[in-house]
Amino acid sequence: MPGWQPEQMARRAAMDIPDGACVNLGIGLPEMIANYVPEGREVLYHSENGLLGMGPAPGPREEDPDLINAGKKPVTALPGAAFFHHADSFAMIRGGHIDLCVLGALQVAANGDLANWSTGDAERIPGVGGAMDLVSGARAVNVITRHCTKGGQPKLVEQCTYPLTGRAVVKRIYTDLAVIDVTVSGFRVVELAPGVDLDLLRQHTETYLVA
């Protein structure tokens, strides 16, 4: 299928992060965004395990086992980075000091509802992490995700069928097929990935798209 690769999705999401923003990145695809800061901008990447000033992933054999993000992946620390207690990190989140968080998703509804911690399957261990704190404490919430599941089911839906992380919280979505805003009229297409047209996008989206 045409569209962006994960690294291209992460780079595209990073392009929209404003200069000087304090940004929390969720586990999975969002973590890759830390590898990209647009030229001429300073971004403070925050990890809820207690790091502000997170840099890109280290090179081969340059990993520090004591320097990881919330997903337990090796990261670097930029000059001036700060380390602090896990509780202080969540105080930053709950206190409204995070400008933007970028999370993964299982489903996003047309009104901005987000489901990203459980499919409701009793056989699978749910993984809420800090997502519920982030969607209520961050000033803005974006999502980066594959447009469809591995089984081909749309993740952009009219209503979420999975347990919700937050109601009407998502502002913008980055997928391998497009950049999409959540508006009062539903999903609005901002940008199509290379090789993707509106017909293809609509075929892989459960709900109405505003062109």
N, C-alpha and C. Protein backbone atom coordinates (compact mmCIF):
# COMPACT_ATOMS: atom_id res chain seq x y z
N MET A 1 0.84 -1.19 0.00
CA MET A 1 0.00 0.00 0.00
C MET A 1 0.88 1.25 0.00
N PRO A 2 0.51 2.29 -0.75
CA PRO A 2 1.29 3.53 -0.72
C PRO A 2 1.17 4.23 0.63
N GLY A 3 1.98 5.25 0.81
CA GLY A 3 1.91 6.00 2.05
C GLY A 3 3.26 6.18 2.69
N TRP A 4 3.26 6.74 3.90
CA TRP A 4 4.48 7.01 4.65
C TRP A 4 4.94 5.78 5.42
N GLN A 5 6.26 5.62 5.53
CA GLN A 5 6.86 4.64 6.43
C GLN A 5 6.89 5.24 7.84
N PRO A 6 7.08 4.41 8.88
CA PRO A 6 7.05 4.93 10.25
C PRO A 6 7.99 6.11 10.49
N GLU A 7 9.21 6.06 9.94
CA GLU A 7 10.15 7.17 10.13
C GLU A 7 9.61 8.45 9.49
N GLN A 8 8.96 8.32 8.34
CA GLN A 8 8.38 9.48 7.67
C GLN A 8 7.19 10.03 8.45
N MET A 9 6.40 9.14 9.04
CA MET A 9 5.29 9.57 9.88
C MET A 9 5.80 10.37 11.07
N ALA A 10 6.87 9.86 11.70
CA ALA A 10 7.43 10.55 12.87
C ALA A 10 7.99 11.91 12.48
N ARG A 11 8.69 11.97 11.37
CA ARG A 11 9.25 13.25 10.91
C ARG A 11 8.13 14.24 10.60
N ARG A 12 7.07 13.77 9.97
CA ARG A 12 5.94 14.66 9.64
C ARG A 12 5.27 15.19 10.91
N ALA A 13 5.11 14.33 11.91
CA ALA A 13 4.52 14.78 13.17
C ALA A 13 5.40 15.81 13.86
N ALA A 14 6.71 15.62 13.80
CA ALA A 14 7.65 16.55 14.42
C ALA A 14 7.60 17.92 13.77
N MET A 15 7.27 17.97 12.48
CA MET A 15 7.22 19.25 11.77
C MET A 15 6.20 20.22 12.37
N ASP A 16 5.16 19.69 13.01
CA ASP A 16 4.09 20.53 13.54
C ASP A 16 4.29 20.92 15.00
N ILE A 17 5.38 20.48 15.60
CA ILE A 17 5.63 20.81 17.00
C ILE A 17 6.24 22.21 17.08
N PRO A 18 5.60 23.14 17.79
CA PRO A 18 6.10 24.51 17.82
C PRO A 18 7.40 24.67 18.59
N ASP A 19 8.13 25.70 18.26
CA ASP A 19 9.39 26.01 18.92
C ASP A 19 9.17 26.21 20.41
N GLY A 20 10.03 25.59 21.22
CA GLY A 20 9.98 25.76 22.67
C GLY A 20 8.96 24.89 23.38
N ALA A 21 8.27 24.01 22.67
CA ALA A 21 7.23 23.20 23.28
C ALA A 21 7.81 22.11 24.18
N CYS A 22 7.08 21.80 25.23
CA CYS A 22 7.38 20.67 26.10
C CYS A 22 6.45 19.54 25.68
N VAL A 23 7.01 18.43 25.22
CA VAL A 23 6.23 17.40 24.54
C VAL A 23 6.47 16.03 25.15
N ASN A 24 5.39 15.35 25.52
CA ASN A 24 5.49 13.97 25.99
C ASN A 24 5.17 13.03 24.84
N LEU A 25 5.96 11.98 24.71
CA LEU A 25 5.79 11.00 23.65
C LEU A 25 5.37 9.66 24.23
N GLY A 26 4.29 9.10 23.69
CA GLY A 26 3.82 7.80 24.14
C GLY A 26 4.72 6.67 23.67
N ILE A 27 4.38 5.47 24.11
CA ILE A 27 5.16 4.28 23.78
C ILE A 27 4.80 3.78 22.39
N GLY A 28 5.81 3.27 21.66
CA GLY A 28 5.59 2.76 20.32
C GLY A 28 5.97 3.77 19.26
N LEU A 29 5.14 3.93 18.25
CA LEU A 29 5.43 4.89 17.17
C LEU A 29 5.77 6.30 17.68
N PRO A 30 5.06 6.83 18.68
CA PRO A 30 5.39 8.18 19.14
C PRO A 30 6.85 8.36 19.57
N GLU A 31 7.46 7.30 20.10
CA GLU A 31 8.84 7.40 20.57
C GLU A 31 9.78 7.83 19.46
N MET A 32 9.46 7.47 18.23
CA MET A 32 10.34 7.78 17.10
C MET A 32 10.43 9.27 16.83
N ILE A 33 9.44 10.04 17.28
CA ILE A 33 9.42 11.48 17.03
C ILE A 33 10.62 12.17 17.67
N ALA A 34 11.12 11.59 18.77
CA ALA A 34 12.27 12.18 19.46
C ALA A 34 13.51 12.25 18.57
N ASN A 35 13.53 11.49 17.49
CA ASN A 35 14.68 11.51 16.58
C ASN A 35 14.65 12.72 15.65
N TYR A 36 13.58 13.50 15.71
CA TYR A 36 13.41 14.59 14.75
C TYR A 36 13.02 15.89 15.46
N VAL A 37 13.83 16.91 15.24
CA VAL A 37 13.49 18.27 15.65
C VAL A 37 13.73 19.15 14.44
N PRO A 38 12.71 19.84 13.95
CA PRO A 38 12.90 20.68 12.76
C PRO A 38 14.01 21.71 12.97
N GLU A 39 14.73 21.97 11.92
CA GLU A 39 15.86 22.91 11.98
C GLU A 39 15.39 24.26 12.47
N GLY A 40 16.16 24.83 13.39
CA GLY A 40 15.85 26.15 13.91
C GLY A 40 14.89 26.15 15.08
N ARG A 41 14.47 24.97 15.55
CA ARG A 41 13.55 24.89 16.68
C ARG A 41 14.20 24.16 17.85
N GLU A 42 13.74 24.49 19.04
CA GLU A 42 14.12 23.76 20.24
C GLU A 42 12.86 23.11 20.80
N VAL A 43 12.92 21.81 21.01
CA VAL A 43 11.80 21.07 21.58
C VAL A 43 12.28 20.32 22.81
N LEU A 44 11.53 20.42 23.89
CA LEU A 44 11.86 19.70 25.12
C LEU A 44 11.00 18.44 25.19
N TYR A 45 11.61 17.31 24.87
CA TYR A 45 10.87 16.05 24.94
C TYR A 45 10.90 15.52 26.37
N HIS A 46 9.72 15.16 26.85
CA HIS A 46 9.51 14.72 28.23
C HIS A 46 9.16 13.25 28.26
N SER A 47 9.73 12.52 29.20
CA SER A 47 9.39 11.11 29.40
C SER A 47 8.89 10.94 30.83
N GLU A 48 7.74 10.26 31.00
CA GLU A 48 7.11 10.25 32.33
C GLU A 48 7.88 9.46 33.37
N ASN A 49 8.94 8.73 32.95
CA ASN A 49 9.77 8.07 33.95
C ASN A 49 10.80 9.02 34.56
N GLY A 50 10.76 10.31 34.18
CA GLY A 50 11.56 11.30 34.89
C GLY A 50 12.69 11.93 34.12
N LEU A 51 12.43 12.33 32.86
CA LEU A 51 13.45 12.97 32.05
C LEU A 51 12.83 14.09 31.22
N LEU A 52 13.41 15.26 31.29
CA LEU A 52 13.03 16.38 30.43
C LEU A 52 14.29 16.81 29.68
N GLY A 53 14.21 16.80 28.35
CA GLY A 53 15.38 17.07 27.53
C GLY A 53 15.88 15.80 26.87
N MET A 54 14.93 14.91 26.55
CA MET A 54 15.28 13.64 25.92
C MET A 54 15.72 13.87 24.48
N GLY A 55 16.82 13.25 24.10
CA GLY A 55 17.33 13.37 22.75
C GLY A 55 16.99 12.15 21.92
N PRO A 56 17.56 12.05 20.73
CA PRO A 56 17.27 10.91 19.85
C PRO A 56 17.85 9.61 20.38
N ALA A 57 17.48 8.53 19.75
CA ALA A 57 18.01 7.22 20.13
C ALA A 57 19.53 7.19 19.92
N PRO A 58 20.26 6.53 20.79
CA PRO A 58 21.72 6.46 20.64
C PRO A 58 22.13 5.56 19.48
N GLY A 59 23.35 5.72 19.03
CA GLY A 59 23.87 4.87 17.98
C GLY A 59 24.22 3.50 18.51
N PRO A 60 24.56 2.57 17.62
CA PRO A 60 24.93 1.22 18.04
C PRO A 60 26.09 1.24 19.04
N ARG A 61 25.94 0.48 20.11
CA ARG A 61 26.95 0.34 21.16
C ARG A 61 27.20 1.64 21.93
N GLU A 62 26.30 2.60 21.79
CA GLU A 62 26.41 3.84 22.56
C GLU A 62 25.32 3.94 23.61
N GLU A 63 24.55 2.86 23.79
CA GLU A 63 23.45 2.87 24.74
C GLU A 63 23.96 2.94 26.18
N ASP A 64 23.24 3.68 27.01
CA ASP A 64 23.48 3.72 28.44
C ASP A 64 22.30 3.00 29.10
N PRO A 65 22.52 1.87 29.77
CA PRO A 65 21.40 1.11 30.33
C PRO A 65 20.62 1.87 31.39
N ASP A 66 21.20 2.94 31.93
CA ASP A 66 20.49 3.74 32.93
C ASP A 66 19.72 4.90 32.30
N LEU A 67 19.79 5.02 30.99
CA LEU A 67 19.14 6.15 30.32
C LEU A 67 18.12 5.60 29.32
N ILE A 68 16.87 5.50 29.77
CA ILE A 68 15.80 4.94 28.95
C ILE A 68 14.57 5.83 29.02
N ASN A 69 13.66 5.62 28.07
CA ASN A 69 12.39 6.34 28.11
C ASN A 69 11.33 5.48 28.80
N ALA A 70 10.08 5.94 28.77
CA ALA A 70 9.01 5.23 29.47
C ALA A 70 8.73 3.86 28.85
N GLY A 71 9.11 3.68 27.60
CA GLY A 71 8.95 2.39 26.94
C GLY A 71 10.15 1.47 27.10
N LYS A 72 11.08 1.88 27.98
CA LYS A 72 12.30 1.11 28.26
C LYS A 72 13.24 1.04 27.07
N LYS A 73 13.14 1.99 26.16
CA LYS A 73 14.04 2.06 25.00
C LYS A 73 15.20 3.00 25.33
N PRO A 74 16.42 2.68 24.87
CA PRO A 74 17.56 3.57 25.11
C PRO A 74 17.36 4.93 24.44
N VAL A 75 17.69 5.99 25.15
CA VAL A 75 17.60 7.35 24.61
C VAL A 75 18.88 8.09 24.98
N THR A 76 18.99 9.31 24.51
CA THR A 76 20.08 10.20 24.91
C THR A 76 19.49 11.37 25.69
N ALA A 77 20.35 12.09 26.36
CA ALA A 77 19.95 13.29 27.09
C ALA A 77 20.68 14.48 26.48
N LEU A 78 19.92 15.52 26.15
CA LEU A 78 20.51 16.71 25.56
C LEU A 78 21.19 17.56 26.62
N PRO A 79 22.12 18.43 26.25
CA PRO A 79 22.73 19.33 27.23
C PRO A 79 21.65 20.13 27.97
N GLY A 80 21.75 20.15 29.30
CA GLY A 80 20.76 20.86 30.11
C GLY A 80 19.57 20.01 30.51
N ALA A 81 19.58 18.74 30.13
CA ALA A 81 18.47 17.85 30.48
C ALA A 81 18.35 17.71 31.99
N ALA A 82 17.12 17.44 32.46
CA ALA A 82 16.86 17.31 33.89
C ALA A 82 16.30 15.92 34.18
N PHE A 83 16.73 15.36 35.30
CA PHE A 83 16.23 14.08 35.77
C PHE A 83 15.48 14.30 37.08
N PHE A 84 14.37 13.60 37.28
CA PHE A 84 13.57 13.83 38.48
C PHE A 84 12.75 12.59 38.80
N HIS A 85 12.14 12.61 39.98
CA HIS A 85 11.36 11.48 40.46
C HIS A 85 10.12 11.26 39.59
N HIS A 86 9.73 9.99 39.50
CA HIS A 86 8.54 9.62 38.75
C HIS A 86 7.31 10.43 39.20
N ALA A 87 7.16 10.63 40.49
CA ALA A 87 6.02 11.39 41.01
C ALA A 87 6.07 12.84 40.56
N ASP A 88 7.27 13.42 40.51
CA ASP A 88 7.41 14.80 40.04
C ASP A 88 7.06 14.89 38.55
N SER A 89 7.39 13.85 37.81
CA SER A 89 7.07 13.82 36.39
C SER A 89 5.56 13.87 36.18
N PHE A 90 4.84 13.09 36.98
CA PHE A 90 3.38 13.09 36.85
C PHE A 90 2.77 14.37 37.41
N ALA A 91 3.45 15.02 38.35
CA ALA A 91 2.98 16.32 38.82
C ALA A 91 3.07 17.35 37.69
N MET A 92 4.10 17.23 36.85
CA MET A 92 4.21 18.10 35.67
C MET A 92 3.03 17.88 34.73
N ILE A 93 2.69 16.59 34.52
CA ILE A 93 1.59 16.25 33.62
C ILE A 93 0.26 16.74 34.18
N ARG A 94 -0.01 16.37 35.42
CA ARG A 94 -1.30 16.71 36.04
C ARG A 94 -1.43 18.19 36.31
N GLY A 95 -0.30 18.88 36.41
CA GLY A 95 -0.34 20.32 36.67
C GLY A 95 -0.49 21.17 35.42
N GLY A 96 -0.60 20.53 34.25
CA GLY A 96 -0.82 21.27 33.02
C GLY A 96 0.43 21.88 32.42
N HIS A 97 1.60 21.29 32.71
CA HIS A 97 2.86 21.86 32.23
C HIS A 97 3.37 21.22 30.94
N ILE A 98 2.62 20.27 30.39
CA ILE A 98 2.99 19.64 29.13
C ILE A 98 2.19 20.31 28.01
N ASP A 99 2.89 20.89 27.05
CA ASP A 99 2.20 21.60 25.96
C ASP A 99 1.48 20.64 25.02
N LEU A 100 2.10 19.50 24.76
CA LEU A 100 1.56 18.56 23.78
C LEU A 100 1.98 17.15 24.15
N CYS A 101 1.06 16.21 24.01
CA CYS A 101 1.47 14.80 24.06
C CYS A 101 1.06 14.14 22.75
N VAL A 102 1.88 13.22 22.31
CA VAL A 102 1.62 12.46 21.09
C VAL A 102 1.54 10.99 21.48
N LEU A 103 0.36 10.40 21.26
CA LEU A 103 0.10 9.05 21.71
C LEU A 103 -0.22 8.12 20.55
N GLY A 104 -0.08 6.83 20.77
CA GLY A 104 -0.56 5.84 19.83
C GLY A 104 -2.06 5.63 20.04
N ALA A 105 -2.66 4.82 19.19
CA ALA A 105 -4.11 4.62 19.29
C ALA A 105 -4.52 3.25 18.80
N LEU A 106 -5.54 2.72 19.44
CA LEU A 106 -6.26 1.55 18.93
C LEU A 106 -7.44 2.02 18.08
N GLN A 107 -8.09 3.10 18.54
CA GLN A 107 -9.19 3.72 17.80
C GLN A 107 -9.24 5.20 18.13
N VAL A 108 -9.64 6.00 17.13
CA VAL A 108 -9.96 7.41 17.35
C VAL A 108 -11.33 7.66 16.71
N ALA A 109 -12.23 8.26 17.48
CA ALA A 109 -13.57 8.53 16.97
C ALA A 109 -13.63 9.91 16.32
N ALA A 110 -14.66 10.11 15.52
CA ALA A 110 -14.81 11.35 14.76
C ALA A 110 -14.93 12.57 15.65
N ASN A 111 -15.34 12.40 16.91
CA ASN A 111 -15.44 13.53 17.84
C ASN A 111 -14.18 13.71 18.68
N GLY A 112 -13.13 12.90 18.41
CA GLY A 112 -11.88 13.02 19.14
C GLY A 112 -11.73 12.09 20.32
N ASP A 113 -12.71 11.21 20.57
CA ASP A 113 -12.54 10.20 21.61
C ASP A 113 -11.33 9.32 21.26
N LEU A 114 -10.59 8.93 22.30
CA LEU A 114 -9.39 8.10 22.10
C LEU A 114 -9.50 6.82 22.90
N ALA A 115 -9.21 5.70 22.25
CA ALA A 115 -9.07 4.41 22.93
C ALA A 115 -7.68 3.88 22.59
N ASN A 116 -6.83 3.75 23.61
CA ASN A 116 -5.47 3.29 23.31
C ASN A 116 -4.85 2.40 24.38
N TRP A 117 -5.68 1.87 25.29
CA TRP A 117 -5.07 1.08 26.35
C TRP A 117 -5.60 -0.34 26.47
N SER A 118 -6.74 -0.64 25.86
CA SER A 118 -7.30 -1.98 25.98
C SER A 118 -8.27 -2.25 24.84
N THR A 119 -8.27 -3.49 24.36
CA THR A 119 -9.27 -3.91 23.37
C THR A 119 -10.49 -4.52 24.06
N GLY A 120 -10.42 -4.64 25.38
CA GLY A 120 -11.49 -5.29 26.12
C GLY A 120 -11.37 -6.79 26.15
N ASP A 121 -10.33 -7.33 25.52
CA ASP A 121 -10.11 -8.77 25.47
C ASP A 121 -9.59 -9.25 26.83
N ALA A 122 -10.35 -10.12 27.47
CA ALA A 122 -9.97 -10.61 28.80
C ALA A 122 -8.68 -11.41 28.78
N GLU A 123 -8.28 -11.88 27.61
CA GLU A 123 -7.06 -12.69 27.50
C GLU A 123 -5.80 -11.82 27.41
N ARG A 124 -6.00 -10.52 27.22
CA ARG A 124 -4.84 -9.63 27.06
C ARG A 124 -4.74 -8.68 28.26
N ILE A 125 -3.51 -8.49 28.71
CA ILE A 125 -3.28 -7.58 29.85
C ILE A 125 -3.37 -6.15 29.34
N PRO A 126 -4.26 -5.32 29.92
CA PRO A 126 -4.34 -3.92 29.47
C PRO A 126 -3.11 -3.14 29.89
N GLY A 127 -2.80 -2.07 29.14
CA GLY A 127 -1.60 -1.28 29.43
C GLY A 127 -1.89 0.20 29.40
N VAL A 128 -2.57 0.70 30.42
CA VAL A 128 -2.98 2.10 30.40
C VAL A 128 -1.79 3.06 30.55
N GLY A 129 -0.77 2.67 31.32
CA GLY A 129 0.37 3.57 31.50
C GLY A 129 -0.05 4.93 32.02
N GLY A 130 0.55 5.98 31.47
CA GLY A 130 0.20 7.34 31.89
C GLY A 130 -0.76 8.03 30.95
N ALA A 131 -1.37 7.28 30.02
CA ALA A 131 -2.18 7.91 28.97
C ALA A 131 -3.36 8.70 29.51
N MET A 132 -4.04 8.16 30.52
CA MET A 132 -5.21 8.87 31.05
C MET A 132 -4.81 10.17 31.72
N ASP A 133 -3.67 10.17 32.39
CA ASP A 133 -3.16 11.42 32.97
C ASP A 133 -2.80 12.41 31.87
N LEU A 134 -2.18 11.91 30.80
CA LEU A 134 -1.73 12.79 29.73
C LEU A 134 -2.90 13.44 28.98
N VAL A 135 -3.94 12.67 28.67
CA VAL A 135 -5.03 13.25 27.89
C VAL A 135 -5.83 14.27 28.71
N SER A 136 -5.76 14.17 30.04
CA SER A 136 -6.46 15.15 30.86
C SER A 136 -5.57 16.30 31.29
N GLY A 137 -4.23 16.08 31.28
CA GLY A 137 -3.33 17.12 31.77
C GLY A 137 -2.61 17.91 30.71
N ALA A 138 -2.32 17.29 29.55
CA ALA A 138 -1.60 18.00 28.49
C ALA A 138 -2.52 19.03 27.82
N ARG A 139 -1.92 20.11 27.34
CA ARG A 139 -2.71 21.18 26.73
C ARG A 139 -3.25 20.79 25.36
N ALA A 140 -2.60 19.86 24.68
CA ALA A 140 -3.08 19.37 23.39
C ALA A 140 -2.67 17.91 23.24
N VAL A 141 -3.49 17.15 22.51
CA VAL A 141 -3.23 15.72 22.31
C VAL A 141 -3.29 15.41 20.83
N ASN A 142 -2.19 14.89 20.30
CA ASN A 142 -2.15 14.37 18.94
C ASN A 142 -1.96 12.86 18.98
N VAL A 143 -2.25 12.21 17.86
CA VAL A 143 -2.11 10.76 17.76
C VAL A 143 -1.27 10.43 16.53
N ILE A 144 -0.41 9.44 16.66
CA ILE A 144 0.30 8.88 15.51
C ILE A 144 0.06 7.37 15.53
N THR A 145 -0.44 6.84 14.40
CA THR A 145 -0.82 5.45 14.36
C THR A 145 -0.93 4.97 12.93
N ARG A 146 -0.85 3.68 12.73
CA ARG A 146 -1.22 3.10 11.44
C ARG A 146 -2.69 3.38 11.20
N HIS A 147 -3.06 3.60 9.94
CA HIS A 147 -4.44 3.94 9.63
C HIS A 147 -5.38 2.77 9.89
N CYS A 148 -4.87 1.55 9.73
CA CYS A 148 -5.66 0.33 9.93
C CYS A 148 -4.90 -0.66 10.80
N THR A 149 -5.63 -1.60 11.36
CA THR A 149 -5.01 -2.68 12.13
C THR A 149 -4.31 -3.66 11.18
N LYS A 150 -3.57 -4.58 11.75
CA LYS A 150 -2.91 -5.60 10.94
C LYS A 150 -3.93 -6.42 10.16
N GLY A 151 -5.15 -6.53 10.70
CA GLY A 151 -6.20 -7.25 10.02
C GLY A 151 -6.98 -6.42 9.01
N GLY A 152 -6.55 -5.15 8.84
CA GLY A 152 -7.19 -4.29 7.85
C GLY A 152 -8.40 -3.51 8.33
N GLN A 153 -8.68 -3.54 9.65
CA GLN A 153 -9.81 -2.80 10.19
C GLN A 153 -9.44 -1.33 10.42
N PRO A 154 -10.31 -0.39 10.04
CA PRO A 154 -10.01 1.03 10.24
C PRO A 154 -9.85 1.37 11.73
N LYS A 155 -8.89 2.22 12.02
CA LYS A 155 -8.73 2.74 13.38
C LYS A 155 -9.46 4.06 13.57
N LEU A 156 -9.77 4.75 12.46
CA LEU A 156 -10.53 5.99 12.51
C LEU A 156 -12.00 5.63 12.30
N VAL A 157 -12.79 5.80 13.35
CA VAL A 157 -14.14 5.25 13.39
C VAL A 157 -15.16 6.32 13.77
N GLU A 158 -16.43 5.99 13.57
CA GLU A 158 -17.49 6.90 13.99
C GLU A 158 -17.58 6.97 15.51
N GLN A 159 -17.55 5.81 16.15
CA GLN A 159 -17.55 5.72 17.61
C GLN A 159 -16.59 4.62 18.04
N CYS A 160 -15.85 4.87 19.12
CA CYS A 160 -14.93 3.85 19.63
C CYS A 160 -15.73 2.69 20.24
N THR A 161 -15.28 1.49 19.97
CA THR A 161 -15.88 0.31 20.58
C THR A 161 -15.00 -0.26 21.68
N TYR A 162 -13.79 0.24 21.80
CA TYR A 162 -12.90 -0.18 22.87
C TYR A 162 -13.03 0.77 24.06
N PRO A 163 -12.58 0.34 25.25
CA PRO A 163 -12.64 1.22 26.42
C PRO A 163 -11.89 2.53 26.16
N LEU A 164 -12.48 3.65 26.57
CA LEU A 164 -11.92 4.96 26.26
C LEU A 164 -10.78 5.34 27.20
N THR A 165 -9.82 6.05 26.63
CA THR A 165 -8.76 6.70 27.40
C THR A 165 -9.20 8.12 27.78
N GLY A 166 -9.86 8.79 26.84
CA GLY A 166 -10.36 10.14 27.08
C GLY A 166 -11.43 10.49 26.07
N ARG A 167 -12.32 11.41 26.45
CA ARG A 167 -13.41 11.83 25.58
C ARG A 167 -13.08 13.15 24.90
N ALA A 168 -13.22 13.17 23.58
CA ALA A 168 -13.05 14.40 22.79
C ALA A 168 -11.73 15.10 23.09
N VAL A 169 -10.63 14.33 23.08
CA VAL A 169 -9.33 14.89 23.46
C VAL A 169 -8.38 15.06 22.27
N VAL A 170 -8.55 14.30 21.21
CA VAL A 170 -7.58 14.30 20.11
C VAL A 170 -7.83 15.49 19.18
N LYS A 171 -6.75 16.18 18.83
CA LYS A 171 -6.82 17.34 17.93
C LYS A 171 -6.35 17.01 16.51
N ARG A 172 -5.28 16.22 16.40
CA ARG A 172 -4.72 15.91 15.08
C ARG A 172 -4.23 14.46 15.07
N ILE A 173 -4.33 13.81 13.90
CA ILE A 173 -3.94 12.41 13.75
C ILE A 173 -2.96 12.30 12.58
N TYR A 174 -1.87 11.59 12.81
CA TYR A 174 -0.88 11.29 11.77
C TYR A 174 -0.92 9.79 11.52
N THR A 175 -1.24 9.40 10.29
CA THR A 175 -1.23 7.98 9.95
C THR A 175 -0.29 7.76 8.76
N ASP A 176 -0.16 6.52 8.34
CA ASP A 176 0.66 6.23 7.18
C ASP A 176 0.01 6.72 5.88
N LEU A 177 -1.28 7.09 5.94
CA LEU A 177 -1.99 7.54 4.75
C LEU A 177 -2.24 9.04 4.70
N ALA A 178 -2.31 9.71 5.85
CA ALA A 178 -2.71 11.12 5.83
C ALA A 178 -2.47 11.79 7.17
N VAL A 179 -2.56 13.12 7.14
CA VAL A 179 -2.66 13.94 8.35
C VAL A 179 -4.10 14.42 8.41
N ILE A 180 -4.75 14.23 9.55
CA ILE A 180 -6.18 14.49 9.68
C ILE A 180 -6.45 15.26 10.96
N ASP A 181 -7.24 16.31 10.86
CA ASP A 181 -7.68 17.07 12.04
C ASP A 181 -9.04 16.59 12.50
N VAL A 182 -9.27 16.68 13.81
CA VAL A 182 -10.59 16.41 14.37
C VAL A 182 -11.30 17.75 14.51
N THR A 183 -12.45 17.90 13.85
CA THR A 183 -13.21 19.15 13.87
C THR A 183 -14.64 18.87 14.32
N VAL A 184 -15.42 19.93 14.49
CA VAL A 184 -16.82 19.76 14.88
C VAL A 184 -17.61 19.06 13.79
N SER A 185 -17.10 19.07 12.57
CA SER A 185 -17.76 18.40 11.44
C SER A 185 -17.24 16.99 11.23
N GLY A 186 -16.30 16.55 12.04
CA GLY A 186 -15.71 15.23 11.88
C GLY A 186 -14.26 15.31 11.45
N PHE A 187 -13.77 14.27 10.82
CA PHE A 187 -12.38 14.22 10.39
C PHE A 187 -12.18 15.08 9.13
N ARG A 188 -11.19 15.98 9.20
CA ARG A 188 -10.88 16.84 8.05
C ARG A 188 -9.48 16.51 7.56
N VAL A 189 -9.35 16.23 6.27
CA VAL A 189 -8.06 15.86 5.68
C VAL A 189 -7.18 17.10 5.54
N VAL A 190 -6.00 17.05 6.14
CA VAL A 190 -5.03 18.15 6.06
C VAL A 190 -4.03 17.89 4.95
N GLU A 191 -3.55 16.65 4.87
CA GLU A 191 -2.52 16.30 3.90
C GLU A 191 -2.59 14.81 3.60
N LEU A 192 -2.43 14.47 2.34
CA LEU A 192 -2.39 13.07 1.93
C LEU A 192 -0.94 12.62 1.74
N ALA A 193 -0.66 11.39 2.14
CA ALA A 193 0.68 10.83 1.92
C ALA A 193 0.89 10.58 0.43
N PRO A 194 2.15 10.52 0.00
CA PRO A 194 2.43 10.25 -1.42
C PRO A 194 1.75 8.97 -1.90
N GLY A 195 1.11 9.05 -3.06
CA GLY A 195 0.46 7.90 -3.64
C GLY A 195 -0.93 7.61 -3.10
N VAL A 196 -1.40 8.43 -2.18
CA VAL A 196 -2.71 8.23 -1.57
C VAL A 196 -3.67 9.29 -2.10
N ASP A 197 -4.86 8.87 -2.52
CA ASP A 197 -5.90 9.82 -2.91
C ASP A 197 -7.08 9.69 -1.96
N LEU A 198 -8.06 10.58 -2.12
CA LEU A 198 -9.20 10.60 -1.20
C LEU A 198 -10.00 9.31 -1.27
N ASP A 199 -10.13 8.74 -2.45
CA ASP A 199 -10.89 7.50 -2.57
C ASP A 199 -10.26 6.38 -1.75
N LEU A 200 -8.93 6.26 -1.84
CA LEU A 200 -8.24 5.23 -1.07
C LEU A 200 -8.39 5.49 0.43
N LEU A 201 -8.25 6.76 0.82
CA LEU A 201 -8.36 7.10 2.24
C LEU A 201 -9.76 6.77 2.77
N ARG A 202 -10.78 7.09 1.98
CA ARG A 202 -12.15 6.82 2.42
C ARG A 202 -12.43 5.32 2.51
N GLN A 203 -11.80 4.55 1.65
CA GLN A 203 -11.97 3.09 1.71
C GLN A 203 -11.45 2.51 3.02
N HIS A 204 -10.48 3.19 3.63
CA HIS A 204 -9.83 2.67 4.83
C HIS A 204 -10.21 3.46 6.08
N THR A 205 -11.27 4.24 6.00
CA THR A 205 -11.76 5.03 7.13
C THR A 205 -13.23 4.70 7.34
N GLU A 206 -13.61 4.40 8.58
CA GLU A 206 -14.97 3.95 8.83
C GLU A 206 -16.00 5.06 8.69
N THR A 207 -15.60 6.28 9.01
CA THR A 207 -16.55 7.38 9.08
C THR A 207 -16.29 8.42 7.99
N TYR A 208 -17.13 9.44 7.94
CA TYR A 208 -17.07 10.46 6.89
C TYR A 208 -15.81 11.30 7.02
N LEU A 209 -15.23 11.66 5.87
CA LEU A 209 -14.05 12.52 5.82
C LEU A 209 -14.41 13.82 5.14
N VAL A 210 -14.01 14.94 5.75
CA VAL A 210 -14.19 16.26 5.13
C VAL A 210 -12.92 16.56 4.35
N ALA A 211 -13.05 16.74 3.03
CA ALA A 211 -11.88 16.99 2.19
C ALA A 211 -11.38 18.41 2.36
